[in-house]
Protein backbone atom coordinates (compact mmCIF):
# COMPACT_ATOMS: atom_id res chain seq x y z
CA UNK A 1 -93.34 127.17 171.83
CA UNK A 2 -93.73 124.06 173.96
CA UNK A 3 -96.17 121.55 172.50
CA UNK A 4 -98.07 118.84 174.30
CA UNK A 5 -97.34 116.37 171.52
CA UNK A 6 -94.85 116.04 168.68
CA UNK A 7 -95.93 113.63 165.93
CA UNK A 8 -93.17 112.34 163.65
CA UNK A 9 -93.92 110.39 160.47
CA UNK A 10 -91.40 108.65 158.22
CA UNK A 11 -92.40 109.23 154.60
CA UNK A 12 -91.22 107.12 151.69
CA UNK A 13 -93.35 106.53 148.60
CA UNK A 14 -96.76 105.68 150.00
CA UNK A 15 -98.78 108.13 147.97
CA UNK A 16 -101.76 105.79 148.19
CA UNK A 17 -102.00 106.04 151.99
CA UNK A 18 -100.25 109.20 153.17
CA UNK A 19 -103.35 111.37 152.99
CA UNK A 20 -105.33 108.80 154.99
CA UNK A 21 -102.52 108.84 157.54
CA UNK A 22 -102.45 112.61 157.85
CA UNK A 23 -106.23 113.04 157.86
CA UNK A 24 -106.53 110.48 160.66
CA UNK A 25 -104.36 112.56 163.01
CA UNK A 26 -106.12 115.86 162.25
CA UNK A 27 -107.98 115.91 165.61
CA UNK A 28 -104.62 115.65 167.35
CA UNK A 29 -103.37 118.60 165.32
CA UNK A 30 -106.45 120.77 165.85
CA UNK A 31 -107.60 119.88 169.38
CA UNK A 32 -104.19 119.79 171.09
CA UNK A 33 -101.00 121.82 171.09
CA UNK A 34 -99.34 119.57 168.53
CA UNK A 35 -96.57 119.84 165.97
CA UNK A 36 -96.22 117.56 162.96
CA UNK A 37 -92.74 116.55 161.80
CA UNK A 38 -92.25 114.81 158.47
CA UNK A 39 -88.99 112.89 158.00
CA UNK A 40 -88.48 112.41 154.26
CA UNK A 41 -86.48 109.21 153.77
CA UNK A 42 -86.35 109.58 150.00
CA UNK A 43 -89.89 109.93 148.69
CA UNK A 44 -90.21 110.46 144.93
CA UNK A 45 -93.92 109.85 144.28
CA UNK A 46 -95.45 113.16 145.37
CA UNK A 47 -95.94 112.21 149.01
CA UNK A 48 -93.98 115.21 150.26
CA UNK A 49 -96.22 117.57 148.30
CA UNK A 50 -99.20 116.06 150.13
CA UNK A 51 -97.40 116.34 153.48
CA UNK A 52 -96.72 120.04 152.88
CA UNK A 53 -100.49 120.63 152.99
CA UNK A 54 -100.37 119.65 156.68
CA UNK A 55 -97.03 120.99 157.92
CA UNK A 56 -94.01 123.00 156.86
CA UNK A 57 -91.67 121.04 159.12
CA UNK A 58 -90.09 118.69 156.57
CA UNK A 59 -86.75 117.10 157.47
CA UNK A 60 -84.74 115.54 154.62
CA UNK A 61 -83.02 112.31 155.65
CA UNK A 62 -80.64 110.27 153.53
CA UNK A 63 -81.59 106.65 154.05
CA UNK A 64 -78.75 104.58 155.58
CA UNK A 65 -80.43 101.27 156.54
CA UNK A 66 -80.93 102.56 160.08
CA UNK A 67 -84.48 103.11 161.34
CA UNK A 68 -83.29 104.51 164.67
CA UNK A 69 -81.25 107.18 162.90
CA UNK A 70 -84.36 108.22 160.96
CA UNK A 71 -86.54 108.23 164.08
CA UNK A 72 -83.91 110.19 166.00
CA UNK A 73 -83.90 112.83 163.26
CA UNK A 74 -87.57 113.48 164.03
CA UNK A 75 -87.05 113.26 167.79
CA UNK A 76 -84.17 115.74 167.68
CA UNK A 77 -86.41 118.30 165.99
CA UNK A 78 -89.29 117.81 168.46
CA UNK A 79 -90.44 120.45 170.97
CA UNK A 80 -93.22 118.45 172.54
CA UNK A 81 -93.71 117.10 176.03
CA UNK A 82 -94.63 113.79 174.41
CA UNK A 83 -93.55 112.11 171.17
CA UNK A 84 -95.64 109.90 168.85
CA UNK A 85 -94.21 108.17 165.80
CA UNK A 86 -95.79 106.26 162.94
CA UNK A 87 -95.30 105.52 159.25
CA UNK A 88 -97.06 106.86 156.19
CA UNK A 89 -98.76 103.52 155.44
CA UNK A 90 -100.66 103.54 158.78
CA UNK A 91 -103.74 105.51 159.70
CA UNK A 92 -105.85 105.75 162.85
CA UNK A 93 -109.46 104.68 163.00
CA UNK A 94 -110.22 107.11 165.84
CA UNK A 95 -107.92 109.25 168.01
CA UNK A 96 -110.54 110.66 170.41
CA UNK A 97 -109.19 108.52 173.27
CA UNK A 98 -105.72 110.00 172.78
CA UNK A 99 -107.13 113.53 172.56
CA UNK A 100 -108.96 112.94 175.85
CA UNK A 101 -105.73 111.70 177.45
CA UNK A 102 -103.97 114.98 176.75
CA UNK A 103 -106.99 117.17 177.50
CA UNK A 104 -108.45 115.54 180.59
CA UNK A 105 -105.86 113.27 182.20
CA UNK A 106 -102.61 113.97 184.02
CA UNK A 107 -100.58 112.85 181.05
CA UNK A 108 -97.24 113.97 182.48
CA UNK A 109 -97.62 111.37 185.23
CA UNK A 110 -97.19 108.63 182.59
CA UNK A 111 -93.95 107.65 180.86
CA UNK A 112 -95.05 105.64 177.81
CA UNK A 113 -98.18 104.58 175.99
CA UNK A 114 -99.26 101.62 173.88
CA UNK A 115 -101.77 101.67 171.08
CA UNK A 116 -102.68 98.89 168.65
CA UNK A 117 -101.49 98.15 165.13
CA UNK A 118 -104.07 96.18 163.17
CA UNK A 119 -102.05 94.22 160.62
CA UNK A 120 -104.26 92.93 157.81
CA UNK A 121 -103.50 89.56 156.26
CA UNK A 122 -105.44 90.20 153.05
CA UNK A 123 -107.30 93.03 151.35
CA UNK A 124 -110.74 91.94 152.51
CA UNK A 125 -110.35 93.93 155.73
CA UNK A 126 -111.72 91.06 157.84
CA UNK A 127 -108.60 88.94 158.35
CA UNK A 128 -106.15 90.65 160.68
CA UNK A 129 -104.18 90.45 163.91
CA UNK A 130 -103.95 93.16 166.56
CA UNK A 131 -100.67 93.86 168.31
CA UNK A 132 -99.92 96.35 171.06
CA UNK A 133 -97.05 98.66 170.10
CA UNK A 134 -95.17 101.22 172.13
CA UNK A 135 -95.26 104.28 169.88
CA UNK A 136 -95.69 107.16 172.35
CA UNK A 137 -93.50 108.39 175.19
CA UNK A 138 -92.67 111.40 177.29
CA UNK A 139 -89.63 113.33 176.05
CA UNK A 140 -86.93 113.43 178.72
CA UNK A 141 -83.24 114.25 178.64
CA UNK A 142 -81.10 111.82 176.60
CA UNK A 143 -84.07 109.77 175.38
CA UNK A 144 -83.31 108.21 172.01
CA UNK A 145 -84.01 105.33 169.64
CA UNK A 146 -81.72 102.30 169.52
CA UNK A 147 -80.95 99.65 166.86
CA UNK A 148 -80.96 99.79 163.08
CA UNK A 149 -84.13 97.72 162.78
CA UNK A 150 -87.08 97.09 165.12
CA UNK A 151 -86.02 100.21 166.93
CA UNK A 152 -87.04 100.94 170.50
CA UNK A 153 -86.74 103.85 172.91
CA UNK A 154 -84.24 104.16 175.74
CA UNK A 155 -84.67 104.81 178.61
CA UNK A 156 -87.98 102.95 179.03
CA UNK A 157 -90.22 105.10 181.18
CA UNK A 158 -93.04 103.94 183.44
CA UNK A 159 -95.90 103.94 184.24
CA UNK A 160 -97.63 102.81 181.08
CA UNK A 161 -100.83 104.06 179.50
CA UNK A 162 -102.79 101.53 177.42
CA UNK A 163 -104.95 102.87 174.58
CA UNK A 164 -107.55 100.88 172.67
CA UNK A 165 -107.02 103.20 169.67
CA UNK A 166 -105.63 101.41 166.64
CA UNK A 167 -104.07 102.10 163.27
CA UNK A 168 -104.88 100.21 160.09
CA UNK A 169 -101.86 98.68 158.37
CA UNK A 170 -102.00 96.76 155.09
CA UNK A 171 -98.25 97.01 154.46
CA UNK A 172 -97.36 93.36 155.09
CA UNK A 173 -99.74 91.87 152.52
CA UNK A 174 -97.69 90.08 149.88
CA UNK A 175 -94.46 91.62 151.22
CA UNK A 176 -93.71 89.58 154.35
CA UNK A 177 -90.90 87.62 152.71
CA UNK A 178 -89.46 90.73 151.06
CA UNK A 179 -89.42 92.68 154.32
CA UNK A 180 -87.93 89.77 156.24
CA UNK A 181 -85.11 89.50 153.68
CA UNK A 182 -84.49 93.21 154.21
CA UNK A 183 -84.60 92.96 157.99
CA UNK A 184 -82.51 89.82 158.54
CA UNK A 185 -79.09 91.23 157.49
CA UNK A 186 -79.61 94.28 159.71
CA UNK A 187 -80.58 92.09 162.68
CA UNK A 188 -77.60 89.80 162.09
CA UNK A 189 -75.32 92.83 162.08
CA UNK A 190 -76.83 94.01 165.37
CA UNK A 191 -76.24 90.56 166.89
CA UNK A 192 -72.64 90.49 165.69
CA UNK A 193 -72.05 93.70 167.60
CA UNK A 194 -73.95 92.51 170.69
CA UNK A 195 -74.52 88.71 170.70
CA UNK A 196 -76.48 88.81 173.97
CA UNK A 197 -79.06 91.37 172.90
CA UNK A 198 -82.31 89.49 173.49
CA UNK A 199 -84.38 92.07 171.60
CA UNK A 200 -82.46 91.58 168.39
CA UNK A 201 -82.24 87.81 168.89
CA UNK A 202 -85.99 87.49 169.41
CA UNK A 203 -86.66 89.68 166.38
CA UNK A 204 -84.29 87.62 164.22
CA UNK A 205 -85.98 84.40 165.37
CA UNK A 206 -89.34 85.92 164.48
CA UNK A 207 -88.15 86.92 160.99
CA UNK A 208 -86.87 83.41 160.27
CA UNK A 209 -90.21 81.97 161.44
CA UNK A 210 -92.11 84.34 159.15
CA UNK A 211 -90.28 82.96 156.12
CA UNK A 212 -90.39 79.42 157.52
CA UNK A 213 -86.62 78.97 157.80
CA UNK A 214 -86.85 77.00 161.01
CA UNK A 215 -83.42 75.39 160.72
CA UNK A 216 -81.91 78.87 161.00
CA UNK A 217 -83.94 79.43 164.15
CA UNK A 218 -82.35 76.36 165.71
CA UNK A 219 -78.93 77.61 164.58
CA UNK A 220 -79.45 80.50 167.02
CA UNK A 221 -79.89 78.21 170.04
CA UNK A 222 -76.30 78.76 171.19
CA UNK A 223 -76.93 82.50 171.23
CA UNK A 224 -80.01 81.99 173.35
CA UNK A 225 -78.23 79.57 175.70
CA UNK A 226 -75.52 82.18 176.31
CA UNK A 227 -78.05 84.68 177.67
CA UNK A 228 -78.96 84.70 181.34
CA UNK A 229 -82.70 85.03 181.71
CA UNK A 230 -82.68 87.28 184.76
CA UNK A 231 -80.59 89.93 183.04
CA UNK A 232 -82.85 90.44 180.02
CA UNK A 233 -86.38 91.31 178.95
CA UNK A 234 -88.24 88.30 180.31
CA UNK A 235 -91.12 88.41 177.83
CA UNK A 236 -88.74 88.34 174.88
CA UNK A 237 -86.64 85.59 176.44
CA UNK A 238 -89.69 83.38 176.95
CA UNK A 239 -90.89 84.14 173.42
CA UNK A 240 -87.53 83.11 171.92
CA UNK A 241 -87.56 79.84 173.87
CA UNK A 242 -91.13 79.03 172.77
CA UNK A 243 -90.24 79.68 169.12
CA UNK A 244 -87.37 77.19 169.46
CA UNK A 245 -89.93 74.57 170.49
CA UNK A 246 -92.16 75.55 167.57
CA UNK A 247 -89.24 75.25 165.14
CA UNK A 248 -88.57 71.65 166.18
CA UNK A 249 -92.26 70.99 165.57
CA UNK A 250 -92.31 72.65 162.15
CA UNK A 251 -89.29 70.58 161.10
CA UNK A 252 -91.11 67.40 162.09
CA UNK A 253 -88.75 66.62 164.97
CA UNK A 254 -91.61 65.57 167.21
CA UNK A 255 -89.68 63.95 170.06
CA UNK A 256 -87.33 66.95 170.23
CA UNK A 257 -90.37 69.22 170.35
CA UNK A 258 -91.90 67.33 173.27
CA UNK A 259 -88.65 67.28 175.20
CA UNK A 260 -87.90 70.97 174.60
CA UNK A 261 -91.42 72.16 175.42
CA UNK A 262 -91.69 70.02 178.54
CA UNK A 263 -88.27 71.19 179.75
CA UNK A 264 -89.45 74.78 179.45
CA UNK A 265 -92.66 74.01 181.31
CA UNK A 266 -91.03 71.96 184.03
CA UNK A 267 -88.35 74.58 184.63
CA UNK A 268 -90.76 77.51 184.63
CA UNK A 269 -89.30 79.14 181.53
CA UNK A 270 -92.53 80.74 180.35
CA UNK A 271 -94.95 83.57 181.01
CA UNK A 272 -98.73 83.75 180.73
CA UNK A 273 -98.64 83.93 176.93
CA UNK A 274 -95.90 81.45 176.11
CA UNK A 275 -97.19 78.86 178.58
CA UNK A 276 -100.44 78.65 176.61
CA UNK A 277 -98.45 78.65 173.36
CA UNK A 278 -96.33 75.69 174.47
CA UNK A 279 -99.44 73.64 175.25
CA UNK A 280 -100.80 74.44 171.77
CA UNK A 281 -97.55 73.20 170.24
CA UNK A 282 -97.82 69.98 172.24
CA UNK A 283 -101.43 69.45 171.16
CA UNK A 284 -100.39 69.61 167.51
CA UNK A 285 -97.51 67.18 168.09
CA UNK A 286 -99.66 64.61 169.89
CA UNK A 287 -102.33 64.79 167.19
CA UNK A 288 -99.80 64.41 164.38
CA UNK A 289 -100.31 61.10 162.57
CA UNK A 290 -96.53 60.61 162.55
CA UNK A 291 -96.42 60.57 166.33
CA UNK A 292 -96.89 56.96 167.38
CA UNK A 293 -97.73 56.52 171.05
CA UNK A 294 -100.61 54.60 172.60
CA UNK A 295 -101.23 57.48 175.01
CA UNK A 296 -101.13 60.26 172.40
CA UNK A 297 -104.82 61.18 172.75
CA UNK A 298 -104.58 61.33 176.53
CA UNK A 299 -101.50 63.55 176.29
CA UNK A 300 -103.28 65.82 173.81
CA UNK A 301 -106.22 66.14 176.21
CA UNK A 302 -103.92 66.89 179.12
CA UNK A 303 -102.28 69.67 177.10
CA UNK A 304 -105.72 70.94 176.15
CA UNK A 305 -106.73 71.09 179.84
CA UNK A 306 -103.66 73.15 180.59
CA UNK A 307 -104.27 75.44 177.61
CA UNK A 308 -107.86 76.04 178.75
CA UNK A 309 -106.63 76.76 182.27
CA UNK A 310 -104.31 79.42 180.83
CA UNK A 311 -107.10 80.91 178.75
CA UNK A 312 -109.85 80.92 181.38
CA UNK A 313 -108.16 81.00 184.75
CA UNK A 314 -104.92 82.96 184.42
CA UNK A 315 -105.49 86.55 185.47
CA UNK A 316 -103.55 88.87 183.17
CA UNK A 317 -104.02 92.62 183.51
CA UNK A 318 -104.40 94.73 180.41
CA UNK A 319 -101.06 96.38 181.11
CA UNK A 320 -99.26 93.07 181.58
CA UNK A 321 -100.88 91.58 178.48
CA UNK A 322 -99.70 94.52 176.36
CA UNK A 323 -96.14 93.66 177.40
CA UNK A 324 -96.61 89.93 176.84
CA UNK A 325 -98.37 90.12 173.47
CA UNK A 326 -95.08 89.71 171.67
CA UNK A 327 -95.42 89.70 167.88
CA UNK A 328 -99.19 89.19 168.14
CA UNK A 329 -98.79 85.91 170.03
CA UNK A 330 -101.62 86.88 172.34
CA UNK A 331 -104.17 85.77 169.75
CA UNK A 332 -103.97 82.30 171.30
CA UNK A 333 -106.20 83.69 174.07
CA UNK A 334 -108.87 84.83 171.64
CA UNK A 335 -112.18 83.04 171.21
CA UNK A 336 -111.73 82.18 167.54
CA UNK A 337 -108.33 80.63 168.22
CA UNK A 338 -109.76 78.50 171.03
CA UNK A 339 -112.61 77.43 168.77
CA UNK A 340 -110.11 76.34 166.11
CA UNK A 341 -108.23 74.19 168.65
CA UNK A 342 -111.51 72.64 169.79
CA UNK A 343 -112.50 71.83 166.19
CA UNK A 344 -109.15 70.13 165.56
CA UNK A 345 -109.44 68.05 168.72
CA UNK A 346 -113.04 67.12 167.94
CA UNK A 347 -112.10 66.01 164.45
CA UNK A 348 -109.23 63.87 165.76
CA UNK A 349 -111.03 62.33 168.75
CA UNK A 350 -114.63 61.95 167.54
CA UNK A 351 -114.34 58.21 166.88
CA UNK A 352 -111.90 57.59 169.71
CA UNK A 353 -112.42 56.38 173.28
CA UNK A 354 -111.22 59.74 174.62
CA UNK A 355 -114.02 61.74 173.00
CA UNK A 356 -116.26 61.62 176.07
CA UNK A 357 -113.41 62.91 178.22
CA UNK A 358 -112.95 65.72 175.72
CA UNK A 359 -116.65 66.62 176.04
CA UNK A 360 -116.32 66.70 179.85
CA UNK A 361 -113.59 69.32 179.55
CA UNK A 362 -115.82 71.41 177.30
CA UNK A 363 -118.75 71.10 179.71
CA UNK A 364 -116.52 72.18 182.59
CA UNK A 365 -115.83 75.42 180.75
CA UNK A 366 -119.45 75.78 179.53
CA UNK A 367 -118.46 75.34 175.90
CA UNK A 368 -120.81 73.71 173.42
CA UNK A 369 -119.11 70.91 171.47
CA UNK A 370 -118.74 71.32 167.70
CA UNK A 371 -121.41 69.74 165.55
CA UNK A 372 -120.77 66.49 163.79
CA UNK A 373 -120.05 68.35 160.59
CA UNK A 374 -116.66 69.56 161.76
CA UNK A 375 -115.02 71.69 159.13
CA UNK A 376 -112.36 69.68 157.34
CA UNK A 377 -109.03 71.06 156.24
CA UNK A 378 -110.14 71.01 152.58
CA UNK A 379 -113.29 72.96 153.43
CA UNK A 380 -111.26 75.57 155.32
CA UNK A 381 -108.91 75.93 152.35
CA UNK A 382 -111.87 76.44 150.02
CA UNK A 383 -113.32 79.08 152.33
CA UNK A 384 -109.98 80.90 152.36
CA UNK A 385 -109.81 80.73 148.55
CA UNK A 386 -113.31 82.15 148.29
CA UNK A 387 -112.39 85.12 150.50
CA UNK A 388 -109.26 85.76 148.47
CA UNK A 389 -111.15 85.57 145.17
CA UNK A 390 -113.68 88.09 146.45
CA UNK A 391 -110.96 90.51 147.57
CA UNK A 392 -109.02 90.11 144.30
CA UNK A 393 -112.15 90.72 142.22
CA UNK A 394 -112.90 93.89 144.20
CA UNK A 395 -109.38 95.19 143.52
CA UNK A 396 -109.63 94.31 139.81
CA UNK A 397 -112.99 96.07 139.54
CA UNK A 398 -111.32 99.16 141.03
CA UNK A 399 -108.48 98.93 138.52
CA UNK A 400 -105.89 98.28 141.25
CA UNK A 401 -103.82 95.73 139.35
CA UNK A 402 -100.71 95.98 141.53
CA UNK A 403 -102.70 95.46 144.73
CA UNK A 404 -104.59 92.56 143.11
CA UNK A 405 -101.29 90.94 142.12
CA UNK A 406 -100.03 91.31 145.71
CA UNK A 407 -103.21 89.63 146.96
CA UNK A 408 -102.74 86.73 144.52
CA UNK A 409 -99.12 86.28 145.59
CA UNK A 410 -100.18 86.24 149.22
CA UNK A 411 -102.86 83.63 148.46
CA UNK A 412 -100.28 81.43 146.68
CA UNK A 413 -97.94 81.79 149.68
CA UNK A 414 -100.70 80.62 152.03
CA UNK A 415 -102.43 77.99 149.87
CA UNK A 416 -99.51 76.69 147.83
CA UNK A 417 -99.49 75.90 144.12
CA UNK A 418 -103.14 76.33 143.21
CA UNK A 419 -103.99 76.21 139.49
CA UNK A 420 -106.82 78.74 139.78
CA UNK A 421 -104.62 81.27 141.55
CA UNK A 422 -101.78 80.86 139.06
CA UNK A 423 -104.23 81.38 136.19
CA UNK A 424 -105.49 84.60 137.77
CA UNK A 425 -101.91 85.74 138.37
CA UNK A 426 -101.06 85.19 134.68
CA UNK A 427 -104.10 87.21 133.58
CA UNK A 428 -103.25 90.12 135.90
CA UNK A 429 -99.62 90.15 134.73
CA UNK A 430 -100.81 90.25 131.11
CA UNK A 431 -103.14 93.17 131.89
CA UNK A 432 -100.29 94.98 133.66
CA UNK A 433 -98.05 94.59 130.60
CA UNK A 434 -100.80 95.93 128.36
CA UNK A 435 -101.11 98.95 130.64
CA UNK A 436 -97.44 99.75 130.32
């Protein structure tokens, strides 16, 4: 039987979310000609027993540190016209848009489709970032997944379909460092085999940034310099270059940051997303107290003008943006991000001669200036602590000690050595020991 859609899910010890995952795709299973393929990568917690309630197509897979091999196991078993893949710790909010695509639209005229992964930063459910991901494609001859980690599909088929449907994903909370440590050796191995693979290089740069090892990002500059821009994925190339500039900034090498960022801008090594990102980096450098220059406020304002031009005047189609929103970087176009930049500038310039010029820029874009009571860094930290405490208390009330401990660890990672958080962590660990 030929299906419209084959859905493949990697399953490995997420008993707490697998039913949510499978229930969320039920309309796809009931309203379309769809098959469900479960690839068991070594689950031991009862997840497979849950999966068997939804399908009898269970493929055992011996884990070998190769995500593409696992994805290809599901793809090889698929009989659909299209293929969708996800993990057992993700679940859709609503799939009606995807159902409509297969029922009402000429879906075979498209090659690939994006939907959104909503990655939550804490357990409150209010702090998250949305990233477009390419998780659906038409099945054609010789199509397959490539790379051990951060796998992607080859060949890449056009045209693209962009869905607003999204999956919830809490899997990175408290585990970012752990997952990066897992991913980095696999990415380094991929780069050893193909030093000019911009996908793997950009992913490795991103992993080092996630764990704040910016010196190791700069160690990859020779790799990046060896790659010719025109022969690679341009969005990833521009992203890698922008993260080099950010790494200089994070290491406090302010003059190097300015030179690197300006070289990229002057030589046109950017796209719609990374151009705005480079101006944000420059704003932070010019406002840094360690940067001593009599024109620093003027340079910050000039960078702010350019950032606002990118945000308000650059026309980026939804399809183009989905390609450019590398690693969630597109949040710099969002209103709350712009408001944060404005608050920082207002706080730095309020008593300075350049404040009136700053207000003129805001008026030009019809933006109301922040009130005099601009939120200070300490107030923002306290607000973050309050949100974390609320989320941790909710988890404790529900008896979810492991999740609460993850939330505490994440809070410590973000806020640093806070006595209150360490006290809570000690109490949770003591309760966990009592439970065992």
